[in-house]
N, C-alpha and C. Protein backbone atom coordinates (compact mmCIF):
# COMPACT_ATOMS: atom_id res chain seq x y z
N MET A 1 153.35 136.22 -144.54
CA MET A 1 154.43 135.93 -143.65
C MET A 1 155.42 134.96 -144.28
N ILE A 2 156.64 135.07 -143.91
CA ILE A 2 157.69 134.17 -144.39
C ILE A 2 157.54 132.85 -143.66
N SER A 3 157.74 131.75 -144.34
CA SER A 3 157.58 130.45 -143.70
C SER A 3 158.79 129.57 -143.95
N ASN A 4 159.92 129.86 -143.27
CA ASN A 4 161.15 129.09 -143.46
C ASN A 4 161.10 127.74 -142.78
N SER A 5 160.55 127.67 -141.59
CA SER A 5 160.40 126.41 -140.88
C SER A 5 159.27 126.57 -139.89
N LEU A 6 158.74 125.47 -139.40
CA LEU A 6 157.62 125.54 -138.48
C LEU A 6 157.99 126.31 -137.22
N ILE A 7 159.18 126.08 -136.68
CA ILE A 7 159.57 126.75 -135.45
C ILE A 7 159.90 128.21 -135.71
N LYS A 8 160.62 128.50 -136.79
CA LYS A 8 161.05 129.88 -137.05
C LYS A 8 159.87 130.79 -137.37
N TYR A 9 159.04 130.40 -138.32
CA TYR A 9 157.87 131.18 -138.70
C TYR A 9 156.72 130.22 -138.95
N PHE A 10 155.54 130.62 -138.57
CA PHE A 10 154.35 129.86 -138.90
C PHE A 10 153.73 130.53 -140.13
N SER A 11 153.19 129.73 -141.02
CA SER A 11 152.64 130.30 -142.26
C SER A 11 151.43 131.18 -141.99
N ASP A 12 150.67 130.87 -140.95
CA ASP A 12 149.55 131.71 -140.56
C ASP A 12 149.20 131.41 -139.12
N LEU A 13 148.30 132.19 -138.57
CA LEU A 13 147.96 132.04 -137.16
C LEU A 13 147.30 130.70 -136.86
N SER A 14 146.50 130.18 -137.77
CA SER A 14 145.86 128.89 -137.52
C SER A 14 146.89 127.77 -137.43
N THR A 15 147.95 127.84 -138.21
CA THR A 15 149.02 126.85 -138.12
C THR A 15 149.72 126.96 -136.77
N ALA A 16 149.96 128.17 -136.32
CA ALA A 16 150.59 128.38 -135.02
C ALA A 16 149.72 127.81 -133.91
N LYS A 17 148.43 128.05 -133.99
CA LYS A 17 147.51 127.53 -132.97
C LYS A 17 147.55 126.01 -132.94
N LYS A 18 147.51 125.38 -134.11
CA LYS A 18 147.57 123.91 -134.18
C LYS A 18 148.86 123.38 -133.58
N TYR A 19 149.98 124.04 -133.92
CA TYR A 19 151.28 123.62 -133.40
C TYR A 19 151.28 123.68 -131.88
N PHE A 20 150.83 124.78 -131.32
CA PHE A 20 150.84 124.92 -129.87
C PHE A 20 149.88 123.96 -129.20
N HIS A 21 148.74 123.70 -129.82
CA HIS A 21 147.80 122.74 -129.24
C HIS A 21 148.40 121.34 -129.24
N MET A 22 149.02 120.95 -130.35
CA MET A 22 149.55 119.59 -130.48
C MET A 22 150.84 119.39 -129.69
N ASN A 23 151.75 120.34 -129.75
CA ASN A 23 153.09 120.13 -129.21
C ASN A 23 153.33 120.74 -127.83
N ILE A 24 152.56 121.71 -127.46
CA ILE A 24 152.78 122.37 -126.19
C ILE A 24 151.66 122.05 -125.21
N GLY A 25 150.59 121.46 -125.70
CA GLY A 25 149.50 121.06 -124.83
C GLY A 25 148.65 122.22 -124.34
N LEU A 26 148.41 123.20 -125.18
CA LEU A 26 147.62 124.35 -124.77
C LEU A 26 146.14 124.12 -125.06
N THR A 27 145.63 123.00 -124.62
CA THR A 27 144.25 122.66 -124.91
C THR A 27 143.27 123.60 -124.21
N LYS A 28 143.65 124.19 -123.11
CA LYS A 28 142.76 125.10 -122.39
C LYS A 28 142.74 126.49 -123.00
N LYS A 29 143.53 126.74 -124.02
CA LYS A 29 143.65 128.06 -124.60
C LYS A 29 142.84 128.21 -125.88
N GLY A 30 141.93 127.30 -126.14
CA GLY A 30 141.19 127.31 -127.38
C GLY A 30 140.34 128.54 -127.62
N ASP A 31 139.99 129.24 -126.55
CA ASP A 31 139.13 130.41 -126.70
C ASP A 31 139.93 131.72 -126.72
N MET A 32 141.22 131.63 -126.97
CA MET A 32 142.06 132.82 -127.01
C MET A 32 141.77 133.65 -128.26
N THR A 33 141.84 134.96 -128.10
CA THR A 33 141.68 135.86 -129.24
C THR A 33 142.97 135.85 -130.06
N ASP A 34 142.91 136.40 -131.27
CA ASP A 34 144.12 136.51 -132.08
C ASP A 34 145.18 137.33 -131.35
N TYR A 35 144.76 138.40 -130.69
CA TYR A 35 145.70 139.23 -129.94
C TYR A 35 146.41 138.40 -128.87
N GLU A 36 145.66 137.57 -128.15
CA GLU A 36 146.26 136.73 -127.10
C GLU A 36 147.23 135.72 -127.70
N TRP A 37 146.91 135.21 -128.90
CA TRP A 37 147.84 134.30 -129.58
C TRP A 37 149.11 135.03 -129.99
N TYR A 38 148.95 136.24 -130.55
CA TYR A 38 150.12 137.03 -130.91
C TYR A 38 151.00 137.26 -129.69
N LEU A 39 150.36 137.58 -128.56
CA LEU A 39 151.12 137.84 -127.34
C LEU A 39 151.85 136.58 -126.87
N LEU A 40 151.18 135.44 -126.89
CA LEU A 40 151.80 134.18 -126.50
C LEU A 40 153.00 133.87 -127.38
N LEU A 41 152.83 133.96 -128.68
CA LEU A 41 153.91 133.66 -129.62
C LEU A 41 155.03 134.69 -129.50
N ALA A 42 154.69 135.95 -129.31
CA ALA A 42 155.70 137.00 -129.14
C ALA A 42 156.52 136.76 -127.87
N GLU A 43 155.85 136.43 -126.79
CA GLU A 43 156.55 136.15 -125.52
C GLU A 43 157.49 134.96 -125.66
N ASN A 44 157.18 134.06 -126.58
CA ASN A 44 158.02 132.89 -126.81
C ASN A 44 159.09 133.15 -127.86
N GLY A 45 159.26 134.39 -128.26
CA GLY A 45 160.36 134.77 -129.13
C GLY A 45 160.16 134.58 -130.61
N HIS A 46 158.94 134.41 -131.05
CA HIS A 46 158.67 134.26 -132.48
C HIS A 46 158.60 135.66 -133.09
N CYS A 47 159.68 136.06 -133.75
CA CYS A 47 159.85 137.45 -134.17
C CYS A 47 158.78 137.92 -135.15
N SER A 48 158.29 137.05 -136.01
CA SER A 48 157.25 137.50 -136.94
C SER A 48 155.97 137.86 -136.17
N TYR A 49 155.72 137.19 -135.06
CA TYR A 49 154.56 137.51 -134.24
C TYR A 49 154.83 138.69 -133.30
N GLN A 50 156.07 138.94 -132.97
CA GLN A 50 156.40 140.16 -132.24
C GLN A 50 156.08 141.36 -133.14
N TYR A 51 156.43 141.24 -134.40
CA TYR A 51 156.13 142.28 -135.38
C TYR A 51 154.62 142.46 -135.53
N GLN A 52 153.89 141.35 -135.65
CA GLN A 52 152.43 141.39 -135.76
C GLN A 52 151.80 142.01 -134.52
N LEU A 53 152.30 141.62 -133.35
CA LEU A 53 151.76 142.16 -132.10
C LEU A 53 151.97 143.66 -132.03
N ALA A 54 153.15 144.12 -132.41
CA ALA A 54 153.42 145.56 -132.43
C ALA A 54 152.42 146.28 -133.33
N SER A 55 152.15 145.69 -134.47
CA SER A 55 151.19 146.28 -135.41
C SER A 55 149.79 146.33 -134.80
N GLU A 56 149.39 145.24 -134.16
CA GLU A 56 148.07 145.18 -133.51
C GLU A 56 147.97 146.23 -132.41
N ILE A 57 148.97 146.31 -131.58
CA ILE A 57 148.96 147.27 -130.47
C ILE A 57 148.89 148.69 -131.02
N HIS A 58 149.71 148.97 -132.00
CA HIS A 58 149.78 150.33 -132.53
C HIS A 58 148.47 150.75 -133.21
N SER A 59 147.85 149.84 -133.92
CA SER A 59 146.67 150.21 -134.70
C SER A 59 145.36 150.10 -133.92
N LYS A 60 145.31 149.23 -132.90
CA LYS A 60 144.01 148.95 -132.27
C LYS A 60 143.94 149.23 -130.78
N SER A 61 145.06 149.29 -130.11
CA SER A 61 145.05 149.40 -128.66
C SER A 61 144.68 150.81 -128.20
N GLN A 62 143.99 150.88 -127.09
CA GLN A 62 143.66 152.15 -126.46
C GLN A 62 144.53 152.39 -125.22
N ARG A 63 145.51 151.51 -125.00
CA ARG A 63 146.37 151.62 -123.82
C ARG A 63 147.15 152.93 -123.85
N GLN A 64 147.40 153.48 -122.66
CA GLN A 64 148.19 154.70 -122.57
C GLN A 64 149.62 154.47 -123.03
N ASP A 65 150.13 153.28 -122.78
CA ASP A 65 151.53 152.98 -123.15
C ASP A 65 151.63 152.30 -124.51
N ARG A 66 150.66 152.56 -125.37
CA ARG A 66 150.59 151.92 -126.69
C ARG A 66 151.88 152.11 -127.48
N ILE A 67 152.40 153.32 -127.53
CA ILE A 67 153.61 153.60 -128.32
C ILE A 67 154.82 152.88 -127.73
N VAL A 68 154.90 152.81 -126.40
CA VAL A 68 156.01 152.14 -125.73
C VAL A 68 155.96 150.64 -126.00
N GLN A 69 154.77 150.04 -125.91
CA GLN A 69 154.61 148.61 -126.18
C GLN A 69 154.90 148.30 -127.65
N THR A 70 154.46 149.16 -128.54
CA THR A 70 154.76 148.98 -129.96
C THR A 70 156.27 148.97 -130.17
N TYR A 71 156.95 149.94 -129.60
CA TYR A 71 158.41 150.06 -129.70
C TYR A 71 159.09 148.82 -129.12
N LYS A 72 158.65 148.38 -127.96
CA LYS A 72 159.23 147.19 -127.31
C LYS A 72 159.19 145.98 -128.25
N TRP A 73 158.02 145.69 -128.78
CA TRP A 73 157.89 144.48 -129.60
C TRP A 73 158.61 144.61 -130.94
N LEU A 74 158.68 145.81 -131.50
CA LEU A 74 159.45 146.01 -132.73
C LEU A 74 160.94 145.82 -132.46
N CYS A 75 161.44 146.35 -131.36
CA CYS A 75 162.86 146.17 -131.01
C CYS A 75 163.18 144.69 -130.81
N LEU A 76 162.30 143.98 -130.13
CA LEU A 76 162.54 142.55 -129.90
C LEU A 76 162.48 141.77 -131.20
N ALA A 77 161.53 142.11 -132.08
CA ALA A 77 161.45 141.44 -133.38
C ALA A 77 162.74 141.65 -134.16
N LEU A 78 163.26 142.86 -134.14
CA LEU A 78 164.51 143.16 -134.82
C LEU A 78 165.67 142.41 -134.18
N PHE A 79 165.71 142.39 -132.86
CA PHE A 79 166.75 141.68 -132.11
C PHE A 79 166.81 140.20 -132.51
N LEU A 80 165.63 139.61 -132.74
CA LEU A 80 165.56 138.19 -133.07
C LEU A 80 165.56 137.91 -134.57
N GLY A 81 165.71 138.97 -135.39
CA GLY A 81 165.96 138.73 -136.80
C GLY A 81 164.90 139.13 -137.80
N ASP A 82 163.80 139.76 -137.37
CA ASP A 82 162.79 140.18 -138.34
C ASP A 82 163.17 141.57 -138.85
N LEU A 83 163.79 141.61 -140.01
CA LEU A 83 164.32 142.86 -140.55
C LEU A 83 163.23 143.84 -140.99
N ARG A 84 162.00 143.35 -141.14
CA ARG A 84 160.88 144.25 -141.46
C ARG A 84 160.69 145.28 -140.35
N ALA A 85 161.06 144.93 -139.15
CA ALA A 85 160.82 145.78 -137.99
C ALA A 85 161.73 147.01 -137.95
N LYS A 86 162.83 146.99 -138.68
CA LYS A 86 163.82 148.07 -138.57
C LYS A 86 163.24 149.43 -138.94
N GLU A 87 162.70 149.56 -140.12
CA GLU A 87 162.17 150.85 -140.56
C GLU A 87 160.99 151.29 -139.72
N VAL A 88 160.11 150.36 -139.38
CA VAL A 88 158.94 150.70 -138.58
C VAL A 88 159.37 151.14 -137.19
N CYS A 89 160.34 150.44 -136.62
CA CYS A 89 160.86 150.80 -135.31
C CYS A 89 161.46 152.20 -135.33
N ASN A 90 162.21 152.50 -136.35
CA ASN A 90 162.79 153.85 -136.48
C ASN A 90 161.69 154.90 -136.60
N PHE A 91 160.65 154.60 -137.35
CA PHE A 91 159.53 155.53 -137.50
C PHE A 91 158.84 155.78 -136.17
N VAL A 92 158.57 154.71 -135.43
CA VAL A 92 157.92 154.83 -134.12
C VAL A 92 158.81 155.62 -133.17
N TYR A 93 160.10 155.31 -133.19
CA TYR A 93 161.08 155.98 -132.34
C TYR A 93 161.05 157.50 -132.53
N LEU A 94 160.93 157.94 -133.76
CA LEU A 94 160.93 159.38 -134.05
C LEU A 94 159.75 160.12 -133.42
N GLY A 95 158.68 159.41 -133.13
CA GLY A 95 157.51 160.04 -132.53
C GLY A 95 157.43 159.90 -131.03
N MET A 96 158.50 159.38 -130.41
CA MET A 96 158.49 159.13 -128.97
C MET A 96 159.22 160.21 -128.21
N THR A 97 158.81 160.39 -126.95
CA THR A 97 159.53 161.28 -126.05
C THR A 97 160.73 160.55 -125.48
N VAL A 98 161.64 161.29 -124.87
CA VAL A 98 162.81 160.67 -124.23
C VAL A 98 162.36 159.68 -123.16
N GLU A 99 161.35 160.05 -122.39
CA GLU A 99 160.85 159.17 -121.33
C GLU A 99 160.27 157.88 -121.90
N GLU A 100 159.53 158.00 -123.00
CA GLU A 100 158.95 156.81 -123.63
C GLU A 100 160.04 155.89 -124.17
N ILE A 101 161.07 156.46 -124.76
CA ILE A 101 162.18 155.66 -125.28
C ILE A 101 162.88 154.94 -124.13
N GLU A 102 163.15 155.64 -123.05
CA GLU A 102 163.80 155.02 -121.89
C GLU A 102 162.95 153.89 -121.32
N HIS A 103 161.64 154.13 -121.19
CA HIS A 103 160.74 153.09 -120.69
C HIS A 103 160.72 151.89 -121.64
N GLY A 104 160.63 152.14 -122.94
CA GLY A 104 160.64 151.06 -123.92
C GLY A 104 161.92 150.25 -123.86
N ASN A 105 163.05 150.93 -123.76
CA ASN A 105 164.34 150.23 -123.66
C ASN A 105 164.41 149.40 -122.39
N MET A 106 163.85 149.91 -121.29
CA MET A 106 163.82 149.13 -120.05
C MET A 106 162.98 147.87 -120.22
N LEU A 107 161.86 147.97 -120.92
CA LEU A 107 161.02 146.79 -121.15
C LEU A 107 161.73 145.77 -122.03
N VAL A 108 162.43 146.24 -123.05
CA VAL A 108 163.20 145.34 -123.92
C VAL A 108 164.28 144.63 -123.11
N ASP A 109 165.03 145.39 -122.33
CA ASP A 109 166.10 144.81 -121.51
C ASP A 109 165.55 143.79 -120.52
N ALA A 110 164.41 144.11 -119.89
CA ALA A 110 163.80 143.19 -118.92
C ALA A 110 163.37 141.89 -119.59
N TRP A 111 162.80 141.98 -120.80
CA TRP A 111 162.38 140.77 -121.52
C TRP A 111 163.59 139.90 -121.84
N ILE A 112 164.64 140.53 -122.34
CA ILE A 112 165.85 139.79 -122.71
C ILE A 112 166.50 139.18 -121.46
N GLU A 113 166.62 139.94 -120.40
CA GLU A 113 167.21 139.42 -119.16
C GLU A 113 166.43 138.23 -118.63
N ASP A 114 165.10 138.31 -118.70
CA ASP A 114 164.27 137.20 -118.24
C ASP A 114 164.55 135.93 -119.05
N LYS A 115 164.64 136.08 -120.36
CA LYS A 115 164.85 134.90 -121.21
C LYS A 115 166.25 134.31 -121.02
N PHE A 116 167.23 135.16 -120.73
CA PHE A 116 168.60 134.69 -120.62
C PHE A 116 168.95 134.23 -119.20
N GLU A 117 168.03 134.41 -118.27
CA GLU A 117 168.27 133.94 -116.90
C GLU A 117 168.32 132.41 -116.92
N ILE A 118 169.34 131.86 -116.29
CA ILE A 118 169.51 130.41 -116.28
C ILE A 118 168.48 129.79 -115.34
N GLN A 119 167.58 129.02 -115.91
CA GLN A 119 166.57 128.28 -115.17
C GLN A 119 166.49 126.88 -115.77
N PRO A 120 167.21 125.93 -115.18
CA PRO A 120 167.28 124.59 -115.76
C PRO A 120 165.93 123.92 -116.00
N THR A 121 164.93 124.24 -115.20
CA THR A 121 163.64 123.56 -115.35
C THR A 121 162.67 124.33 -116.24
N ARG A 122 163.09 125.44 -116.80
CA ARG A 122 162.22 126.26 -117.65
C ARG A 122 161.85 125.50 -118.93
N ASP A 123 160.56 125.54 -119.24
CA ASP A 123 160.09 124.90 -120.47
C ASP A 123 160.33 125.85 -121.64
N LYS A 124 161.18 125.43 -122.56
CA LYS A 124 161.51 126.24 -123.73
C LYS A 124 160.92 125.63 -125.00
N SER A 125 160.03 124.67 -124.85
CA SER A 125 159.52 123.96 -126.03
C SER A 125 158.76 124.86 -126.99
N GLY A 126 158.16 125.92 -126.50
CA GLY A 126 157.43 126.83 -127.37
C GLY A 126 158.26 127.99 -127.89
N TRP A 127 159.51 128.07 -127.44
CA TRP A 127 160.39 129.17 -127.85
C TRP A 127 160.78 129.05 -129.31
N SER A 128 161.01 130.18 -129.93
CA SER A 128 161.48 130.17 -131.31
C SER A 128 162.90 129.61 -131.36
N SER A 129 163.27 129.11 -132.52
CA SER A 129 164.62 128.55 -132.68
C SER A 129 165.67 129.64 -132.50
N GLU A 130 165.36 130.88 -132.93
CA GLU A 130 166.31 131.99 -132.77
C GLU A 130 166.58 132.27 -131.30
N LEU A 131 165.52 132.32 -130.51
CA LEU A 131 165.67 132.62 -129.09
C LEU A 131 166.41 131.50 -128.38
N ARG A 132 166.05 130.25 -128.67
CA ARG A 132 166.75 129.12 -128.03
C ARG A 132 168.23 129.14 -128.37
N LYS A 133 168.54 129.41 -129.64
CA LYS A 133 169.94 129.43 -130.06
C LYS A 133 170.72 130.52 -129.32
N LEU A 134 170.17 131.72 -129.25
CA LEU A 134 170.85 132.81 -128.55
C LEU A 134 171.06 132.49 -127.08
N VAL A 135 170.03 131.98 -126.43
CA VAL A 135 170.12 131.66 -125.00
C VAL A 135 171.11 130.52 -124.77
N ASP A 136 171.04 129.49 -125.60
CA ASP A 136 171.97 128.36 -125.45
C ASP A 136 173.42 128.80 -125.66
N GLU A 137 173.66 129.65 -126.66
CA GLU A 137 175.01 130.16 -126.90
C GLU A 137 175.51 130.97 -125.72
N GLU A 138 174.68 131.83 -125.20
CA GLU A 138 175.04 132.67 -124.06
C GLU A 138 175.33 131.83 -122.83
N ASN A 139 174.47 130.85 -122.57
CA ASN A 139 174.64 130.01 -121.37
C ASN A 139 175.85 129.08 -121.49
N SER A 140 176.20 128.68 -122.71
CA SER A 140 177.36 127.80 -122.88
C SER A 140 178.66 128.58 -122.69
N ASP A 141 178.61 129.91 -122.95
CA ASP A 141 179.78 130.76 -122.74
C ASP A 141 180.00 131.09 -121.27
N SER A 142 178.94 130.93 -120.46
CA SER A 142 179.03 131.28 -119.04
C SER A 142 179.76 130.25 -118.23
């Protein structure tokens, strides 16, 4: 993984776990699986972990919506700047039905709308720097 800064990318999952334990106070989350950590970091806009989560879902998940979830996280990773996701996202897209693409796009839009919703008391301390920057820019224009 690329490690430009602690907030932008974590060098490995153990570093991410330490960061969240120390700075976000996730002491009750010590028994989380790697998948749960990927999901937590992905939900907080860390694009390298969105990419990792998509890979985990695609290769290991038995969920019926596996392809849609893979597509969602790859699109979000690309949206937030992980260029590795572009080719993989295009590859996944080619194997999807029109309905799956529409559902995936709806999930991407819902995630973005949720993050961009103005909530003054929302805790953004675990958010990636890319996500905070985009949200702050959008909210300052409003």
